[in-house]
Amino acid sequence: VSDIDSKKDLILNNLGWGRLPHHFVAKELKNKTLVHLKSLSYDHPLDIYICRKKKKPIGPVLKHIWDSF
């Protein structure tokens, strides 16, 4: 997301996780609405998907990245 308020709203609504400045979430950390994840373990496989609009032209850099998949 492009702004921190939207990111915080998504995280608070259980739609993801991410980094936020401590001062921005201090109240939520204190009342345990949010939990600080000190480290993330990648023991479990994670599926990652990429997509793009088929009819939208792409530049040479994106073409190279896309072709590498």
PDB file of N, CA and C in Angstrom:
ATOM      1  N   VAL A   1       0.838  -1.182   0.000  1.00  0.00           N
ATOM      2  CA  VAL A   1       0.000   0.000   0.000  1.00  0.00           C
ATOM      3  C   VAL A   1       0.879   1.240   0.000  1.00  0.00           C
ATOM      4  N   SER A   2       0.318   2.325  -0.431  1.00  0.00           N
ATOM      5  CA  SER A   2       1.121   3.527  -0.615  1.00  0.00           C
ATOM      6  C   SER A   2       1.146   4.446   0.609  1.00  0.00           C
ATOM      7  N   ASP A   3       0.264   4.219   1.586  1.00  0.00           N
ATOM      8  CA  ASP A   3       0.322   5.087   2.761  1.00  0.00           C
ATOM      9  C   ASP A   3       0.232   4.261   4.042  1.00  0.00           C
ATOM     10  N   ILE A   4       0.836   4.788   5.077  1.00  0.00           N
ATOM     11  CA  ILE A   4       0.987   4.059   6.336  1.00  0.00           C
ATOM     12  C   ILE A   4      -0.344   3.843   7.057  1.00  0.00           C
ATOM     13  N   ASP A   5      -1.270   4.777   6.911  1.00  0.00           N
ATOM     14  CA  ASP A   5      -2.575   4.611   7.556  1.00  0.00           C
ATOM     15  C   ASP A   5      -3.331   3.423   6.971  1.00  0.00           C
ATOM     16  N   SER A   6      -3.297   3.279   5.653  1.00  0.00           N
ATOM     17  CA  SER A   6      -3.953   2.142   4.998  1.00  0.00           C
ATOM     18  C   SER A   6      -3.282   0.831   5.407  1.00  0.00           C
ATOM     19  N   LYS A   7      -1.971   0.846   5.471  1.00  0.00           N
ATOM     20  CA  LYS A   7      -1.232  -0.351   5.874  1.00  0.00           C
ATOM     21  C   LYS A   7      -1.631  -0.767   7.286  1.00  0.00           C
ATOM     22  N   LYS A   8      -1.691   0.190   8.189  1.00  0.00           N
ATOM     23  CA  LYS A   8      -2.085  -0.108   9.560  1.00  0.00           C
ATOM     24  C   LYS A   8      -3.503  -0.672   9.603  1.00  0.00           C
ATOM     25  N   ASP A   9      -4.422  -0.082   8.846  1.00  0.00           N
ATOM     26  CA  ASP A   9      -5.803  -0.575   8.803  1.00  0.00           C
ATOM     27  C   ASP A   9      -5.861  -2.012   8.293  1.00  0.00           C
ATOM     28  N   LEU A  10      -5.101  -2.323   7.257  1.00  0.00           N
ATOM     29  CA  LEU A  10      -5.079  -3.687   6.734  1.00  0.00           C
ATOM     30  C   LEU A  10      -4.569  -4.668   7.785  1.00  0.00           C
ATOM     31  N   ILE A  11      -3.507  -4.303   8.460  1.00  0.00           N
ATOM     32  CA  ILE A  11      -2.935  -5.172   9.487  1.00  0.00           C
ATOM     33  C   ILE A  11      -3.913  -5.353  10.654  1.00  0.00           C
ATOM     34  N   LEU A  12      -4.543  -4.277  11.094  1.00  0.00           N
ATOM     35  CA  LEU A  12      -5.501  -4.367  12.190  1.00  0.00           C
ATOM     36  C   LEU A  12      -6.728  -5.197  11.832  1.00  0.00           C
ATOM     37  N   ASN A  13      -7.025  -5.309  10.545  1.00  0.00           N
ATOM     38  CA  ASN A  13      -8.164  -6.108  10.084  1.00  0.00           C
ATOM     39  C   ASN A  13      -7.750  -7.507   9.643  1.00  0.00           C
ATOM     40  N   ASN A  14      -6.587  -7.939  10.114  1.00  0.00           N
ATOM     41  CA  ASN A  14      -6.094  -9.296   9.854  1.00  0.00           C
ATOM     42  C   ASN A  14      -5.921  -9.601   8.367  1.00  0.00           C
ATOM     43  N   LEU A  15      -5.513  -8.608   7.601  1.00  0.00           N
ATOM     44  CA  LEU A  15      -5.322  -8.803   6.173  1.00  0.00           C
ATOM     45  C   LEU A  15      -3.848  -8.787   5.781  1.00  0.00           C
ATOM     46  N   GLY A  16      -2.975  -8.983   6.744  1.00  0.00           N
ATOM     47  CA  GLY A  16      -1.557  -9.020   6.422  1.00  0.00           C
ATOM     48  C   GLY A  16      -0.703  -8.657   7.602  1.00  0.00           C
ATOM     49  N   TRP A  17       0.582  -8.525   7.359  1.00  0.00           N
ATOM     50  CA  TRP A  17       1.547  -8.114   8.370  1.00  0.00           C
ATOM     51  C   TRP A  17       2.579  -7.254   7.694  1.00  0.00           C
ATOM     52  N   GLY A  18       3.304  -6.499   8.468  1.00  0.00           N
ATOM     53  CA  GLY A  18       4.319  -5.649   7.876  1.00  0.00           C
ATOM     54  C   GLY A  18       4.981  -4.777   8.916  1.00  0.00           C
ATOM     55  N   ARG A  19       5.900  -3.979   8.467  1.00  0.00           N
ATOM     56  CA  ARG A  19       6.643  -3.084   9.350  1.00  0.00           C
ATOM     57  C   ARG A  19       5.898  -1.767   9.501  1.00  0.00           C
ATOM     58  N   LEU A  20       5.832  -1.321  10.752  1.00  0.00           N
ATOM     59  CA  LEU A  20       5.235  -0.027  11.062  1.00  0.00           C
ATOM     60  C   LEU A  20       6.113   0.643  12.110  1.00  0.00           C
ATOM     61  N   PRO A  21       6.208   1.961  12.076  1.00  0.00           N
ATOM     62  CA  PRO A  21       6.987   2.654  13.097  1.00  0.00           C
ATOM     63  C   PRO A  21       6.398   2.410  14.489  1.00  0.00           C
ATOM     64  N   HIS A  22       7.277   2.191  15.459  1.00  0.00           N
ATOM     65  CA  HIS A  22       6.828   1.876  16.819  1.00  0.00           C
ATOM     66  C   HIS A  22       5.894   2.950  17.371  1.00  0.00           C
ATOM     67  N   HIS A  23       6.237   4.223  17.175  1.00  0.00           N
ATOM     68  CA  HIS A  23       5.392   5.297  17.716  1.00  0.00           C
ATOM     69  C   HIS A  23       3.991   5.299  17.112  1.00  0.00           C
ATOM     70  N   PHE A  24       3.858   4.726  15.928  1.00  0.00           N
ATOM     71  CA  PHE A  24       2.575   4.713  15.221  1.00  0.00           C
ATOM     72  C   PHE A  24       1.648   3.617  15.748  1.00  0.00           C
ATOM     73  N   VAL A  25       2.216   2.590  16.406  1.00  0.00           N
ATOM     74  CA  VAL A  25       1.420   1.462  16.881  1.00  0.00           C
ATOM     75  C   VAL A  25       1.616   1.202  18.379  1.00  0.00           C
ATOM     76  N   ALA A  26       2.210   2.154  19.089  1.00  0.00           N
ATOM     77  CA  ALA A  26       2.500   1.964  20.512  1.00  0.00           C
ATOM     78  C   ALA A  26       1.242   1.622  21.314  1.00  0.00           C
ATOM     79  N   LYS A  27       0.153   2.307  21.041  1.00  0.00           N
ATOM     80  CA  LYS A  27      -1.096   2.057  21.765  1.00  0.00           C
ATOM     81  C   LYS A  27      -1.600   0.627  21.493  1.00  0.00           C
ATOM     82  N   GLU A  28      -1.552   0.205  20.245  1.00  0.00           N
ATOM     83  CA  GLU A  28      -2.025  -1.132  19.886  1.00  0.00           C
ATOM     84  C   GLU A  28      -1.129  -2.227  20.464  1.00  0.00           C
ATOM     85  N   LEU A  29       0.168  -1.951  20.553  1.00  0.00           N
ATOM     86  CA  LEU A  29       1.082  -2.910  21.170  1.00  0.00           C
ATOM     87  C   LEU A  29       0.801  -3.020  22.671  1.00  0.00           C
ATOM     88  N   LYS A  30       0.529  -1.876  23.294  1.00  0.00           N
ATOM     89  CA  LYS A  30       0.277  -1.865  24.735  1.00  0.00           C
ATOM     90  C   LYS A  30      -1.000  -2.617  25.096  1.00  0.00           C
ATOM     91  N   ASN A  31      -2.068  -2.406  24.311  1.00  0.00           N
ATOM     92  CA  ASN A  31      -3.326  -3.098  24.619  1.00  0.00           C
ATOM     93  C   ASN A  31      -3.432  -4.463  23.924  1.00  0.00           C
ATOM     94  N   LYS A  32      -2.336  -4.901  23.313  1.00  0.00           N
ATOM     95  CA  LYS A  32      -2.199  -6.231  22.690  1.00  0.00           C
ATOM     96  C   LYS A  32      -3.135  -6.456  21.503  1.00  0.00           C
ATOM     97  N   THR A  33      -3.551  -5.357  20.853  1.00  0.00           N
ATOM     98  CA  THR A  33      -4.283  -5.471  19.595  1.00  0.00           C
ATOM     99  C   THR A  33      -3.323  -5.944  18.504  1.00  0.00           C
ATOM    100  N   LEU A  34      -2.067  -5.496  18.611  1.00  0.00           N
ATOM    101  CA  LEU A  34      -1.006  -5.934  17.713  1.00  0.00           C
ATOM    102  C   LEU A  34       0.088  -6.604  18.538  1.00  0.00           C
ATOM    103  N   VAL A  35       0.813  -7.497  17.881  1.00  0.00           N
ATOM    104  CA  VAL A  35       1.919  -8.191  18.526  1.00  0.00           C
ATOM    105  C   VAL A  35       3.178  -7.950  17.718  1.00  0.00           C
ATOM    106  N   HIS A  36       4.265  -7.660  18.398  1.00  0.00           N
ATOM    107  CA  HIS A  36       5.542  -7.461  17.727  1.00  0.00           C
ATOM    108  C   HIS A  36       6.140  -8.823  17.379  1.00  0.00           C
ATOM    109  N   LEU A  37       6.386  -9.060  16.100  1.00  0.00           N
ATOM    110  CA  LEU A  37       7.022 -10.297  15.648  1.00  0.00           C
ATOM    111  C   LEU A  37       8.518 -10.044  15.611  1.00  0.00           C
ATOM    112  N   LYS A  38       9.242 -10.591  16.558  1.00  0.00           N
ATOM    113  CA  LYS A  38      10.678 -10.335  16.636  1.00  0.00           C
ATOM    114  C   LYS A  38      11.428 -10.986  15.483  1.00  0.00           C
ATOM    115  N   SER A  39      10.979 -12.141  15.067  1.00  0.00           N
ATOM    116  CA  SER A  39      11.585 -12.791  13.902  1.00  0.00           C
ATOM    117  C   SER A  39      10.539 -13.675  13.254  1.00  0.00           C
ATOM    118  N   LEU A  40      10.703 -13.867  11.991  1.00  0.00           N
ATOM    119  CA  LEU A  40       9.779 -14.710  11.248  1.00  0.00           C
ATOM    120  C   LEU A  40      10.518 -15.957  10.791  1.00  0.00           C
ATOM    121  N   SER A  41       9.925 -17.072  11.009  1.00  0.00           N
ATOM    122  CA  SER A  41      10.520 -18.332  10.582  1.00  0.00           C
ATOM    123  C   SER A  41       9.937 -18.720   9.230  1.00  0.00           C
ATOM    124  N   TYR A  42      10.771 -19.165   8.350  1.00  0.00           N
ATOM    125  CA  TYR A  42      10.327 -19.591   7.027  1.00  0.00           C
ATOM    126  C   TYR A  42      10.400 -21.098   6.904  1.00  0.00           C
ATOM    127  N   ASP A  43       9.978 -21.805   7.968  1.00  0.00           N
ATOM    128  CA  ASP A  43      10.007 -23.262   7.969  1.00  0.00           C
ATOM    129  C   ASP A  43       8.956 -23.867   7.047  1.00  0.00           C
ATOM    130  N   HIS A  44       7.922 -23.115   6.765  1.00  0.00           N
ATOM    131  CA  HIS A  44       6.829 -23.636   5.961  1.00  0.00           C
ATOM    132  C   HIS A  44       6.936 -23.106   4.534  1.00  0.00           C
ATOM    133  N   PRO A  45       6.601 -23.952   3.559  1.00  0.00           N
ATOM    134  CA  PRO A  45       6.647 -23.465   2.176  1.00  0.00           C
ATOM    135  C   PRO A  45       5.633 -22.332   1.963  1.00  0.00           C
ATOM    136  N   LEU A  46       5.984 -21.437   1.115  1.00  0.00           N
ATOM    137  CA  LEU A  46       5.143 -20.283   0.848  1.00  0.00           C
ATOM    138  C   LEU A  46       4.955 -20.150  -0.648  1.00  0.00           C
ATOM    139  N   ASP A  47       3.718 -20.172  -1.102  1.00  0.00           N
ATOM    140  CA  ASP A  47       3.424 -19.975  -2.515  1.00  0.00           C
ATOM    141  C   ASP A  47       3.406 -18.485  -2.817  1.00  0.00           C
ATOM    142  N   ILE A  48       4.094 -18.103  -3.866  1.00  0.00           N
ATOM    143  CA  ILE A  48       4.124 -16.710  -4.289  1.00  0.00           C
ATOM    144  C   ILE A  48       3.616 -16.651  -5.724  1.00  0.00           C
ATOM    145  N   TYR A  49       2.716 -15.746  -5.971  1.00  0.00           N
ATOM    146  CA  TYR A  49       2.132 -15.596  -7.296  1.00  0.00           C
ATOM    147  C   TYR A  49       2.443 -14.210  -7.835  1.00  0.00           C
ATOM    148  N   ILE A  50       2.730 -14.138  -9.113  1.00  0.00           N
ATOM    149  CA  ILE A  50       2.882 -12.843  -9.760  1.00  0.00           C
ATOM    150  C   ILE A  50       1.825 -12.747 -10.852  1.00  0.00           C
ATOM    151  N   CYS A  51       1.412 -11.555 -11.138  1.00  0.00           N
ATOM    152  CA  CYS A  51       0.422 -11.374 -12.201  1.00  0.00           C
ATOM    153  C   CYS A  51       0.608 -10.005 -12.829  1.00  0.00           C
ATOM    154  N   ARG A  52       0.070  -9.871 -13.995  1.00  0.00           N
ATOM    155  CA  ARG A  52       0.079  -8.603 -14.700  1.00  0.00           C
ATOM    156  C   ARG A  52      -1.078  -8.584 -15.671  1.00  0.00           C
ATOM    157  N   LYS A  53      -1.449  -7.406 -16.104  1.00  0.00           N
ATOM    158  CA  LYS A  53      -2.512  -7.295 -17.099  1.00  0.00           C
ATOM    159  C   LYS A  53      -1.955  -7.724 -18.451  1.00  0.00           C
ATOM    160  N   LYS A  54      -2.621  -8.671 -19.059  1.00  0.00           N
ATOM    161  CA  LYS A  54      -2.129  -9.257 -20.300  1.00  0.00           C
ATOM    162  C   LYS A  54      -2.077  -8.247 -21.451  1.00  0.00           C
ATOM    163  N   LYS A  55      -3.009  -7.322 -21.487  1.00  0.00           N
ATOM    164  CA  LYS A  55      -3.091  -6.397 -22.619  1.00  0.00           C
ATOM    165  C   LYS A  55      -2.316  -5.100 -22.402  1.00  0.00           C
ATOM    166  N   LYS A  56      -1.714  -4.940 -21.208  1.00  0.00           N
ATOM    167  CA  LYS A  56      -0.940  -3.733 -20.943  1.00  0.00           C
ATOM    168  C   LYS A  56       0.506  -3.975 -21.369  1.00  0.00           C
ATOM    169  N   PRO A  57       1.057  -3.104 -22.225  1.00  0.00           N
ATOM    170  CA  PRO A  57       2.437  -3.308 -22.673  1.00  0.00           C
ATOM    171  C   PRO A  57       3.425  -3.176 -21.513  1.00  0.00           C
ATOM    172  N   ILE A  58       4.516  -3.930 -21.591  1.00  0.00           N
ATOM    173  CA  ILE A  58       5.526  -3.875 -20.537  1.00  0.00           C
ATOM    174  C   ILE A  58       6.853  -3.416 -21.127  1.00  0.00           C
ATOM    175  N   GLY A  59       7.660  -2.812 -20.279  1.00  0.00           N
ATOM    176  CA  GLY A  59       8.964  -2.322 -20.710  1.00  0.00           C
ATOM    177  C   GLY A  59      10.012  -3.427 -20.665  1.00  0.00           C
ATOM    178  N   PRO A  60      11.231  -3.108 -21.083  1.00  0.00           N
ATOM    179  CA  PRO A  60      12.281  -4.123 -21.166  1.00  0.00           C
ATOM    180  C   PRO A  60      12.681  -4.709 -19.812  1.00  0.00           C
ATOM    181  N   VAL A  61      12.655  -3.922 -18.757  1.00  0.00           N
ATOM    182  CA  VAL A  61      13.042  -4.441 -17.441  1.00  0.00           C
ATOM    183  C   VAL A  61      11.989  -5.435 -16.939  1.00  0.00           C
ATOM    184  N   LEU A  62      10.724  -5.035 -16.993  1.00  0.00           N
ATOM    185  CA  LEU A  62       9.664  -5.944 -16.558  1.00  0.00           C
ATOM    186  C   LEU A  62       9.618  -7.189 -17.442  1.00  0.00           C
ATOM    187  N   LYS A  63       9.861  -7.031 -18.725  1.00  0.00           N
ATOM    188  CA  LYS A  63       9.881  -8.196 -19.626  1.00  0.00           C
ATOM    189  C   LYS A  63      10.971  -9.175 -19.191  1.00  0.00           C
ATOM    190  N   HIS A  64      12.150  -8.654 -18.853  1.00  0.00           N
ATOM    191  CA  HIS A  64      13.236  -9.516 -18.399  1.00  0.00           C
ATOM    192  C   HIS A  64      12.857 -10.247 -17.102  1.00  0.00           C
ATOM    193  N   ILE A  65      12.270  -9.509 -16.160  1.00  0.00           N
ATOM    194  CA  ILE A  65      11.847 -10.127 -14.901  1.00  0.00           C
ATOM    195  C   ILE A  65      10.763 -11.177 -15.165  1.00  0.00           C
ATOM    196  N   TRP A  66       9.792 -10.812 -15.954  1.00  0.00           N
ATOM    197  CA  TRP A  66       8.669 -11.722 -16.263  1.00  0.00           C
ATOM    198  C   TRP A  66       9.176 -12.996 -16.943  1.00  0.00           C
ATOM    199  N   ASP A  67      10.065 -12.836 -17.892  1.00  0.00           N
ATOM    200  CA  ASP A  67      10.608 -13.991 -18.626  1.00  0.00           C
ATOM    201  C   ASP A  67      11.457 -14.898 -17.740  1.00  0.00           C
ATOM    202  N   SER A  68      12.019 -14.347 -16.673  1.00  0.00           N
ATOM    203  CA  SER A  68      12.841 -15.174 -15.794  1.00  0.00           C
ATOM    204  C   SER A  68      12.015 -16.163 -14.993  1.00  0.00           C
ATOM    205  N   PHE A  69      10.717 -15.898 -14.886  1.00  0.00           N
ATOM    206  CA  PHE A  69       9.840 -16.830 -14.196  1.00  0.00           C
ATOM    207  C   PHE A  69       9.367 -17.888 -15.162  1.00  0.00           C
TER     208      PHE A  69
END
